Amino acid sequence: MVAEILRTKWMAMTASIWIQCTLGGSYTFGIYSAILKSSQSYDQSTLDTVSVFKDIGGNVGVLSGLVYTAATFNRRRPDGRGGRGGPWVVILIGAVLSFTGYFLIWASVTGLIRKPPVPVMCLFMFIAAQSLTFLNTANVVSSLENFADYGGTAVGIMKGFVGLSGAMLIQLYETICPGDPESFVLLLAIVPSLLSVLVMPLVRIYETSTVDEKKHLDGLSTLSIIIAAYLMVIIIVKGILGLPSWANTVTLSLRYSNVEINALLSLWNIWNFIGRFGAGYVSDALLHKKGWPRPLLMATTLGAMTIGHLIIASGFEGNLYPGSIMVGICYGSQWSLMPTITSELFGVKHMGTIYNTISIASPMGSYIFSVRLIGYIYDKTIIGEGNTCYGPHCFRLSFVIIAWLSSGFLSRVCWCSGQISFINRSSRRGCIVDKRLMTCELF
């Protein structure tokens, strides 16, 4: 009886959710970035370079996709029994990478090992972040395969809990080792790796479907919303409300305290979760009830993101309230819509590889904008001694440029929406239309 309960797609999703809840180490970089900067004597550009390797490691996951495809090839059976291979192989590799990377960072910060050269520290950060691609790929793609009819909702739940994980880890930091970022790095090395190893046997692929899948997925969606609300209440009760910010550099420029920065990073993760979960759920609802394709929702979020960046750039008092909320929600929505659209275009057989190939765009953009643009402008605006710039002028130009580029992407998506409308009209003249993407095949 117990074995039958454990061998279900719902238990697989539960195990995946537990793992996803611990993957927010990259989102908590603001907690330990200051101690990393001071202990290694970095300037802002060098710290940004190390951070870029965090983004590269967390997004360049082609290897994890290839490993997932190899590990799950011909291992999909209705009862979940797939031989020796399966998603657990990918999860195990991710757990090893997570422990290795964060442990070496902790050893460097505490002086347990010699101060490593910058390239070596970048390697440590890359290894730690690379674990995210293995763990995330195993959980997201297996959920897509288990719930193919409601892929948007399934991906939204998985990506949503990753967004929440940052806030969860920050609350763990505040509870276990407040004011001690060195110990927090050690926690990042131990907790995700240990939990992943414990539950990885439960994450399997089941090619079965039931009539009540939507009802149970809605129940999990409700649970995730309750958890998000609970985390937000905790943040508010602690009396750490302030102007929310999604960039540690911005909060330092505006002279926020460490307590405020930690709280604002938590709130950013809440907005991120709302975007990830909401986009997946709403896109499924619009698709099944209205027949609207997912790219239309992507166009809407890009427009809102452009406005959000302009609000942050404006510098008026209280601007980070609406700005960070809009950017956080819209940023999160891209990570939910993109894998779902990808699976609908190319199928799930090589989903892990294709999805992670597309994700390479994120670290490329991070390097260009964080190091070459924001870091460069920030360093040039510093007046006097020290490595910190104070005031909204430190980041205004950077956000204006990013908003301009977001509007450019919006124009491209709007053009695609026009093509969608044309295809929709053509469907009445002899086309078979896929409602999910509004692609058309003549017959």
Protein backbone atom coordinates (compact mmCIF):
# COMPACT_ATOMS: atom_id res chain seq x y z
CA MET A 1 0.00 0.00 0.00
CA VAL A 2 2.74 2.42 0.96
CA ALA A 3 4.74 1.47 -2.12
CA GLU A 4 1.72 2.19 -4.34
CA ILE A 5 1.28 5.63 -2.78
CA LEU A 6 4.95 6.46 -3.29
CA ARG A 7 4.80 5.38 -6.94
CA THR A 8 2.42 8.04 -8.21
CA LYS A 9 2.90 11.20 -10.23
CA TRP A 10 1.56 13.22 -7.29
CA MET A 11 4.27 11.93 -4.98
CA ALA A 12 6.80 12.69 -7.74
CA MET A 13 5.54 16.27 -7.93
CA THR A 14 5.60 16.59 -4.14
CA ALA A 15 9.22 15.47 -4.03
CA SER A 16 10.08 17.88 -6.84
CA ILE A 17 8.42 20.75 -4.95
CA TRP A 18 10.52 19.99 -1.88
CA ILE A 19 13.68 20.15 -3.96
CA GLN A 20 12.56 23.33 -5.72
CA CYS A 21 12.05 25.00 -2.33
CA THR A 22 15.80 24.80 -1.65
CA LEU A 23 17.16 26.00 -5.01
CA GLY A 24 17.14 29.74 -4.28
CA GLY A 25 20.82 30.09 -3.44
CA SER A 26 21.42 32.23 -6.51
CA TYR A 27 18.57 34.53 -5.50
CA THR A 28 20.13 35.13 -2.08
CA PHE A 29 23.43 36.41 -3.45
CA GLY A 30 22.70 39.75 -1.80
CA ILE A 31 22.98 38.10 1.63
CA TYR A 32 26.60 37.06 1.26
CA SER A 33 27.82 39.36 -1.54
CA ALA A 34 29.08 41.98 0.95
CA ILE A 35 31.19 39.49 2.91
CA LEU A 36 32.44 38.01 -0.34
CA LYS A 37 33.43 41.46 -1.56
CA SER A 38 35.20 42.48 1.63
CA SER A 39 36.92 39.16 2.37
CA GLN A 40 38.31 38.91 -1.16
CA SER A 41 39.02 42.69 -1.55
CA TYR A 42 36.88 43.02 -4.70
CA ASP A 43 35.67 46.23 -6.31
CA GLN A 44 32.12 46.42 -7.69
CA SER A 45 33.06 45.36 -11.23
CA THR A 46 34.93 42.30 -9.94
CA LEU A 47 32.00 41.35 -7.73
CA ASP A 48 29.69 41.75 -10.72
CA THR A 49 31.97 39.48 -12.74
CA VAL A 50 31.72 36.76 -10.09
CA SER A 51 27.96 37.29 -10.06
CA VAL A 52 27.83 36.84 -13.82
CA PHE A 53 29.37 33.38 -13.46
CA LYS A 54 26.58 32.67 -11.00
CA ASP A 55 24.14 33.57 -13.76
CA ILE A 56 26.07 31.57 -16.36
CA GLY A 57 26.15 28.50 -14.15
CA GLY A 58 22.48 28.82 -13.29
CA ASN A 59 21.31 29.18 -16.89
CA VAL A 60 23.74 27.40 -19.21
CA GLY A 61 22.27 23.98 -18.65
CA VAL A 62 22.75 22.25 -21.99
CA LEU A 63 24.78 19.54 -20.25
CA SER A 64 22.00 18.90 -17.75
CA GLY A 65 19.53 18.62 -20.63
CA LEU A 66 21.70 16.08 -22.43
CA VAL A 67 22.18 14.09 -19.23
CA TYR A 68 18.42 14.13 -18.60
CA THR A 69 17.69 12.86 -22.10
CA ALA A 70 20.25 10.07 -21.73
CA ALA A 71 19.10 9.14 -18.21
CA THR A 72 15.41 8.92 -19.13
CA PHE A 73 15.75 7.38 -22.59
CA ASN A 74 13.46 4.34 -22.85
CA ARG A 75 12.84 4.56 -19.11
CA ARG A 76 9.22 5.75 -19.24
CA ARG A 77 6.75 3.14 -18.08
CA PRO A 78 3.15 3.53 -16.86
CA ASP A 79 4.01 2.27 -13.35
CA GLY A 80 6.99 4.61 -12.97
CA ARG A 81 9.48 1.73 -12.93
CA GLY A 82 12.16 2.72 -15.37
CA GLY A 83 15.17 0.54 -14.64
CA ARG A 84 18.33 2.04 -13.30
CA GLY A 85 18.06 5.35 -15.10
CA GLY A 86 15.65 8.20 -14.53
CA PRO A 87 15.48 11.78 -13.25
CA TRP A 88 17.22 10.74 -10.02
CA VAL A 89 20.53 10.53 -11.89
CA VAL A 90 20.28 14.20 -12.83
CA ILE A 91 19.24 15.15 -9.30
CA LEU A 92 22.21 13.31 -7.78
CA ILE A 93 24.66 15.17 -10.02
CA GLY A 94 23.01 18.46 -9.06
CA ALA A 95 23.30 17.67 -5.35
CA VAL A 96 27.03 16.94 -5.67
CA LEU A 97 27.64 20.16 -7.60
CA SER A 98 25.68 22.23 -5.08
CA PHE A 99 27.63 20.96 -2.10
CA THR A 100 31.01 21.27 -3.84
CA GLY A 101 30.50 24.82 -5.09
CA TYR A 102 29.06 26.41 -1.96
CA PHE A 103 31.44 24.56 0.35
CA LEU A 104 34.45 25.92 -1.56
CA ILE A 105 32.98 29.45 -1.45
CA TRP A 106 32.45 29.10 2.30
CA ALA A 107 36.01 27.82 2.75
CA SER A 108 37.35 30.82 0.82
CA VAL A 109 35.32 33.40 2.75
CA THR A 110 36.21 31.95 6.16
CA GLY A 111 39.89 31.57 5.32
CA LEU A 112 39.83 27.78 5.53
CA ILE A 113 41.68 27.78 2.21
CA ARG A 114 43.90 30.42 0.64
CA LYS A 115 42.25 33.40 -0.99
CA PRO A 116 41.60 32.08 -4.52
CA PRO A 117 42.31 34.14 -7.67
CA VAL A 118 39.26 35.75 -9.24
CA PRO A 119 38.99 33.12 -12.04
CA VAL A 120 39.01 30.35 -9.44
CA MET A 121 36.30 32.07 -7.38
CA CYS A 122 34.29 32.43 -10.59
CA LEU A 123 34.68 28.67 -11.07
CA PHE A 124 33.43 28.00 -7.52
CA MET A 125 30.40 30.18 -8.17
CA PHE A 126 29.78 28.51 -11.53
CA ILE A 127 29.83 25.03 -9.97
CA ALA A 128 27.43 26.06 -7.20
CA ALA A 129 25.01 27.66 -9.65
CA GLN A 130 25.32 24.87 -12.21
CA SER A 131 23.60 22.58 -9.72
CA LEU A 132 20.42 24.59 -10.26
CA THR A 133 20.24 23.56 -13.93
CA PHE A 134 20.45 19.84 -13.10
CA LEU A 135 17.92 19.94 -10.27
CA ASN A 136 15.56 22.32 -12.06
CA THR A 137 15.71 20.39 -15.34
CA ALA A 138 14.87 17.09 -13.64
CA ASN A 139 11.91 18.58 -11.77
CA VAL A 140 10.45 20.82 -14.49
CA VAL A 141 10.74 18.39 -17.41
CA SER A 142 9.47 15.38 -15.45
CA SER A 143 6.48 17.47 -14.31
CA LEU A 144 5.81 18.49 -17.91
CA GLU A 145 5.85 14.84 -18.95
CA ASN A 146 3.63 13.76 -16.05
CA PHE A 147 1.05 16.54 -16.64
CA ALA A 148 1.24 17.17 -20.38
CA ASP A 149 -2.36 18.43 -20.67
CA TYR A 150 -1.77 21.19 -18.12
CA GLY A 151 1.88 21.93 -18.73
CA GLY A 152 1.52 25.64 -17.98
CA THR A 153 0.14 25.00 -14.51
CA ALA A 154 2.70 22.28 -13.75
CA VAL A 155 5.63 24.43 -14.87
CA GLY A 156 4.17 27.42 -13.05
CA ILE A 157 4.11 25.45 -9.79
CA MET A 158 7.68 24.20 -10.25
CA LYS A 159 9.11 27.57 -11.28
CA GLY A 160 6.98 29.33 -8.69
CA PHE A 161 8.48 27.38 -5.82
CA VAL A 162 11.96 28.17 -7.15
CA GLY A 163 10.96 31.83 -6.95
CA LEU A 164 9.71 31.31 -3.40
CA SER A 165 12.83 29.39 -2.42
CA GLY A 166 14.88 32.56 -2.16
CA ALA A 167 12.47 33.98 0.42
CA MET A 168 12.41 30.65 2.27
CA LEU A 169 16.20 30.50 2.46
CA ILE A 170 16.38 34.10 3.66
CA GLN A 171 13.93 33.29 6.47
CA LEU A 172 16.09 30.27 7.30
CA TYR A 173 19.05 32.64 7.48
CA GLU A 174 17.17 35.03 9.75
CA THR A 175 16.17 32.15 12.03
CA ILE A 176 19.36 30.08 12.27
CA CYS A 177 22.24 32.47 11.69
CA PRO A 178 21.05 36.11 11.56
CA GLY A 179 23.86 38.52 10.77
CA ASP A 180 26.24 35.67 9.96
CA PRO A 181 26.45 35.36 6.15
CA GLU A 182 29.45 33.03 6.39
CA SER A 183 27.35 30.37 8.13
CA PHE A 184 24.58 30.98 5.63
CA VAL A 185 26.89 29.95 2.77
CA LEU A 186 27.57 26.70 4.63
CA LEU A 187 23.82 26.16 4.96
CA LEU A 188 23.52 26.57 1.19
CA ALA A 189 26.10 23.80 0.80
CA ILE A 190 24.34 21.34 3.12
CA VAL A 191 20.54 21.82 3.02
CA PRO A 192 19.73 21.59 -0.73
CA SER A 193 22.16 18.72 -1.32
CA LEU A 194 20.95 16.64 1.63
CA LEU A 195 17.25 17.10 0.85
CA SER A 196 17.75 16.31 -2.85
CA VAL A 197 19.53 13.04 -2.09
CA LEU A 198 16.80 12.00 0.38
CA VAL A 199 13.81 12.48 -1.96
CA MET A 200 15.34 11.84 -5.41
CA PRO A 201 14.10 8.21 -5.64
CA LEU A 202 10.52 9.53 -5.69
CA VAL A 203 10.96 11.71 -8.78
CA ARG A 204 9.87 9.52 -11.69
CA ILE A 205 8.04 9.72 -15.02
CA TYR A 206 4.49 8.36 -15.29
CA GLU A 207 2.76 8.31 -18.67
CA THR A 208 -0.72 8.14 -17.19
CA SER A 209 -3.55 10.67 -16.92
CA THR A 210 -6.65 10.96 -14.76
CA VAL A 211 -9.83 13.01 -15.07
CA ASP A 212 -9.22 14.87 -11.81
CA GLU A 213 -5.70 16.13 -12.64
CA LYS A 214 -6.86 19.72 -13.01
CA LYS A 215 -8.62 19.65 -9.65
CA HIS A 216 -5.52 18.39 -7.83
CA LEU A 217 -3.26 20.82 -9.66
CA ASP A 218 -5.57 23.64 -8.59
CA GLY A 219 -5.20 22.37 -5.03
CA LEU A 220 -1.41 22.54 -5.27
CA SER A 221 -1.73 26.00 -6.78
CA THR A 222 -3.83 27.12 -3.82
CA LEU A 223 -1.26 25.70 -1.43
CA SER A 224 1.55 27.59 -3.13
CA ILE A 225 -0.41 30.84 -2.88
CA ILE A 226 -1.00 30.23 0.84
CA ILE A 227 2.73 29.67 1.38
CA ALA A 228 3.57 32.85 -0.53
CA ALA A 229 1.07 34.83 1.56
CA TYR A 230 2.46 33.32 4.76
CA LEU A 231 6.02 34.32 3.84
CA MET A 232 4.88 37.85 3.06
CA VAL A 233 3.12 38.12 6.44
CA ILE A 234 6.31 36.98 8.19
CA ILE A 235 8.29 39.67 6.42
CA ILE A 236 5.74 42.34 7.39
CA VAL A 237 5.42 41.18 11.02
CA LYS A 238 9.16 41.51 11.48
CA GLY A 239 8.70 45.21 10.92
CA ILE A 240 11.06 45.39 7.97
CA LEU A 241 8.87 47.12 5.45
CA GLY A 242 10.64 49.53 3.17
CA LEU A 243 11.07 50.45 -0.43
CA PRO A 244 11.40 47.08 -2.20
CA SER A 245 14.34 46.61 -4.52
CA TRP A 246 15.46 43.83 -6.77
CA ALA A 247 19.12 44.77 -7.04
CA ASN A 248 21.53 44.81 -4.12
CA THR A 249 23.44 47.63 -5.82
CA VAL A 250 20.32 49.83 -5.86
CA THR A 251 19.59 49.25 -2.18
CA LEU A 252 23.14 50.12 -1.21
CA SER A 253 23.01 53.25 -3.35
CA LEU A 254 19.87 54.34 -1.50
CA ARG A 255 21.55 53.61 1.87
CA TYR A 256 19.25 50.78 2.97
CA SER A 257 20.18 48.87 6.12
CA ASN A 258 21.11 45.18 6.00
CA VAL A 259 17.77 44.28 7.57
CA GLU A 260 15.91 46.22 4.87
CA ILE A 261 17.99 44.68 2.10
CA ASN A 262 17.25 41.15 3.36
CA ALA A 263 13.54 41.94 3.59
CA LEU A 264 13.44 43.50 0.14
CA LEU A 265 15.21 40.52 -1.38
CA SER A 266 12.53 38.33 0.18
CA LEU A 267 9.78 40.51 -1.29
CA TRP A 268 11.44 40.34 -4.71
CA ASN A 269 11.20 36.57 -4.51
CA ILE A 270 7.49 36.87 -3.69
CA TRP A 271 6.87 38.98 -6.81
CA ASN A 272 8.99 36.55 -8.79
CA PHE A 273 6.83 33.68 -7.55
CA ILE A 274 3.60 35.46 -8.48
CA GLY A 275 4.88 35.94 -12.02
CA ARG A 276 6.12 32.37 -12.42
CA PHE A 277 3.04 30.72 -10.98
CA GLY A 278 0.50 33.22 -12.30
CA ALA A 279 1.71 33.16 -15.91
CA GLY A 280 1.58 29.38 -16.06
CA TYR A 281 -1.87 29.16 -14.50
CA VAL A 282 -3.37 32.07 -16.44
CA SER A 283 -1.92 30.91 -19.76
CA ASP A 284 -3.50 27.47 -19.24
CA ALA A 285 -6.85 29.05 -18.37
CA LEU A 286 -6.79 31.40 -21.38
CA LEU A 287 -5.76 28.54 -23.66
CA HIS A 288 -8.42 26.04 -22.57
CA LYS A 289 -11.27 28.50 -22.05
CA LYS A 290 -10.62 31.24 -24.61
CA GLY A 291 -8.24 29.62 -27.08
CA TRP A 292 -5.71 32.44 -26.64
CA PRO A 293 -2.09 31.50 -27.41
CA ARG A 294 0.58 31.88 -24.71
CA PRO A 295 2.75 34.39 -26.68
CA LEU A 296 -0.01 37.01 -26.26
CA LEU A 297 0.49 36.87 -22.50
CA MET A 298 4.25 37.15 -23.00
CA ALA A 299 3.72 40.36 -25.01
CA THR A 300 1.62 41.80 -22.19
CA THR A 301 4.24 41.09 -19.55
CA LEU A 302 7.01 42.62 -21.68
CA GLY A 303 5.02 45.83 -21.94
CA ALA A 304 4.52 45.98 -18.18
CA MET A 305 8.21 45.24 -17.62
CA THR A 306 9.19 48.21 -19.78
CA ILE A 307 7.01 50.49 -17.67
CA GLY A 308 8.44 49.03 -14.47
CA HIS A 309 12.04 49.76 -15.51
CA LEU A 310 11.11 53.36 -16.37
CA ILE A 311 9.46 53.78 -12.96
CA ILE A 312 12.65 52.60 -11.21
CA ALA A 313 14.76 54.89 -13.39
CA SER A 314 12.60 57.91 -12.57
CA GLY A 315 13.96 58.17 -9.03
CA PHE A 316 10.85 59.75 -7.49
CA GLU A 317 10.14 59.01 -3.84
CA GLY A 318 8.60 55.58 -3.39
CA ASN A 319 9.31 54.56 -6.97
CA LEU A 320 10.68 51.17 -6.00
CA TYR A 321 7.30 50.06 -4.69
CA PRO A 322 5.47 49.85 -8.05
CA GLY A 323 8.66 49.43 -10.07
CA SER A 324 10.00 46.36 -8.28
CA ILE A 325 6.57 44.72 -8.15
CA MET A 326 6.01 45.14 -11.90
CA VAL A 327 9.49 44.03 -12.90
CA GLY A 328 9.49 41.12 -10.44
CA ILE A 329 6.16 39.72 -11.61
CA CYS A 330 6.95 40.17 -15.30
CA TYR A 331 10.45 38.74 -14.93
CA GLY A 332 9.07 35.65 -13.23
CA SER A 333 6.41 35.16 -15.90
CA GLN A 334 9.04 34.76 -18.63
CA TRP A 335 10.53 31.75 -16.84
CA SER A 336 7.14 30.06 -16.74
CA LEU A 337 5.97 30.87 -20.26
CA MET A 338 9.24 30.10 -22.04
CA PRO A 339 9.58 26.38 -21.12
CA THR A 340 5.88 25.75 -21.70
CA ILE A 341 5.97 27.33 -25.15
CA THR A 342 9.18 25.42 -25.90
CA SER A 343 7.59 22.07 -25.03
CA GLU A 344 4.62 22.85 -27.27
CA LEU A 345 6.89 23.73 -30.17
CA PHE A 346 9.36 20.84 -29.96
CA GLY A 347 7.77 18.22 -27.69
CA VAL A 348 9.21 16.80 -24.48
CA LYS A 349 11.64 14.18 -25.84
CA HIS A 350 14.56 16.64 -25.96
CA MET A 351 12.86 19.30 -23.84
CA GLY A 352 15.67 19.50 -21.27
CA THR A 353 18.33 20.25 -23.87
CA ILE A 354 16.29 22.74 -25.91
CA TYR A 355 14.96 24.55 -22.85
CA ASN A 356 18.44 24.96 -21.37
CA THR A 357 19.85 26.08 -24.71
CA ILE A 358 17.35 28.93 -24.82
CA SER A 359 18.22 29.79 -21.21
CA ILE A 360 21.76 30.69 -22.31
CA ALA A 361 20.35 34.09 -23.29
CA SER A 362 19.97 34.96 -19.60
CA PRO A 363 23.68 34.87 -18.59
CA MET A 364 24.64 36.56 -21.85
CA GLY A 365 22.30 39.42 -21.01
CA SER A 366 23.47 39.41 -17.40
CA TYR A 367 27.09 39.88 -18.45
CA ILE A 368 26.31 42.60 -20.96
CA PHE A 369 24.01 44.58 -18.70
CA SER A 370 25.38 43.82 -15.22
CA VAL A 371 29.11 44.09 -15.91
CA ARG A 372 29.49 46.06 -19.14
CA LEU A 373 26.59 48.44 -18.55
CA ILE A 374 25.39 48.74 -14.93
CA GLY A 375 28.74 47.94 -13.29
CA TYR A 376 30.63 50.28 -15.62
CA ILE A 377 28.21 53.19 -15.17
CA TYR A 378 28.07 52.59 -11.42
CA ASP A 379 31.86 52.71 -11.04
CA LYS A 380 32.08 55.85 -13.19
CA THR A 381 29.54 57.70 -11.04
CA ILE A 382 31.44 57.11 -7.77
CA ILE A 383 32.61 60.40 -6.27
CA GLY A 384 35.38 60.44 -3.69
CA GLU A 385 36.94 57.47 -1.94
CA GLY A 386 35.40 54.06 -1.54
CA ASN A 387 33.63 51.67 -3.88
CA THR A 388 30.04 52.78 -3.27
CA CYS A 389 27.92 55.33 -5.14
CA TYR A 390 24.93 56.93 -3.41
CA GLY A 391 21.81 58.34 -5.03
CA PRO A 392 19.39 57.47 -7.86
CA HIS A 393 21.80 58.85 -10.48
CA CYS A 394 23.96 55.75 -9.90
CA PHE A 395 21.52 53.52 -11.78
CA ARG A 396 19.08 55.82 -13.64
CA LEU A 397 20.77 55.64 -17.05
CA SER A 398 21.15 51.86 -16.82
CA PHE A 399 17.43 51.31 -16.24
CA VAL A 400 16.47 53.69 -19.04
CA ILE A 401 18.62 51.67 -21.45
CA ILE A 402 17.14 48.38 -20.23
CA ALA A 403 13.61 49.77 -20.59
CA TRP A 404 14.39 50.85 -24.15
CA LEU A 405 15.62 47.35 -25.00
CA SER A 406 12.55 45.76 -23.38
CA SER A 407 10.34 47.91 -25.57
CA GLY A 408 12.29 46.66 -28.58
CA PHE A 409 11.54 43.05 -27.65
CA LEU A 410 7.92 44.06 -27.08
CA SER A 411 7.76 45.41 -30.64
CA ARG A 412 9.03 42.09 -31.94
CA VAL A 413 6.45 40.11 -29.96
CA CYS A 414 3.70 42.49 -31.12
CA TRP A 415 4.76 41.83 -34.70
CA CYS A 416 4.47 38.10 -34.01
CA SER A 417 1.03 38.72 -32.52
CA GLY A 418 0.03 40.31 -35.81
CA GLN A 419 1.14 37.17 -37.59
CA ILE A 420 -0.91 35.15 -35.12
CA SER A 421 -3.99 37.19 -36.01
CA PHE A 422 -3.30 36.59 -39.71
CA ILE A 423 -2.96 32.85 -39.14
CA ASN A 424 -6.16 32.86 -37.11
CA ARG A 425 -8.01 34.43 -40.01
CA SER A 426 -6.36 32.00 -42.41
CA SER A 427 -7.66 29.11 -40.35
CA ARG A 428 -11.09 29.89 -41.68
CA ARG A 429 -9.76 29.48 -45.21
CA GLY A 430 -8.24 26.01 -44.97
CA CYS A 431 -5.71 25.80 -42.14
CA ILE A 432 -5.40 23.50 -39.20
CA VAL A 433 -4.48 25.72 -36.26
CA ASP A 434 -2.76 24.73 -33.03
CA LYS A 435 -4.50 26.92 -30.45
CA ARG A 436 -1.57 26.82 -28.04
CA LEU A 437 0.76 28.74 -30.38
CA MET A 438 -1.51 29.59 -33.31
CA THR A 439 0.80 27.80 -35.75
CA CYS A 440 -0.77 26.79 -39.01
CA GLU A 441 -0.43 23.85 -41.36
CA LEU A 442 -2.09 24.00 -44.77
CA PHE A 443 -3.90 20.90 -45.94
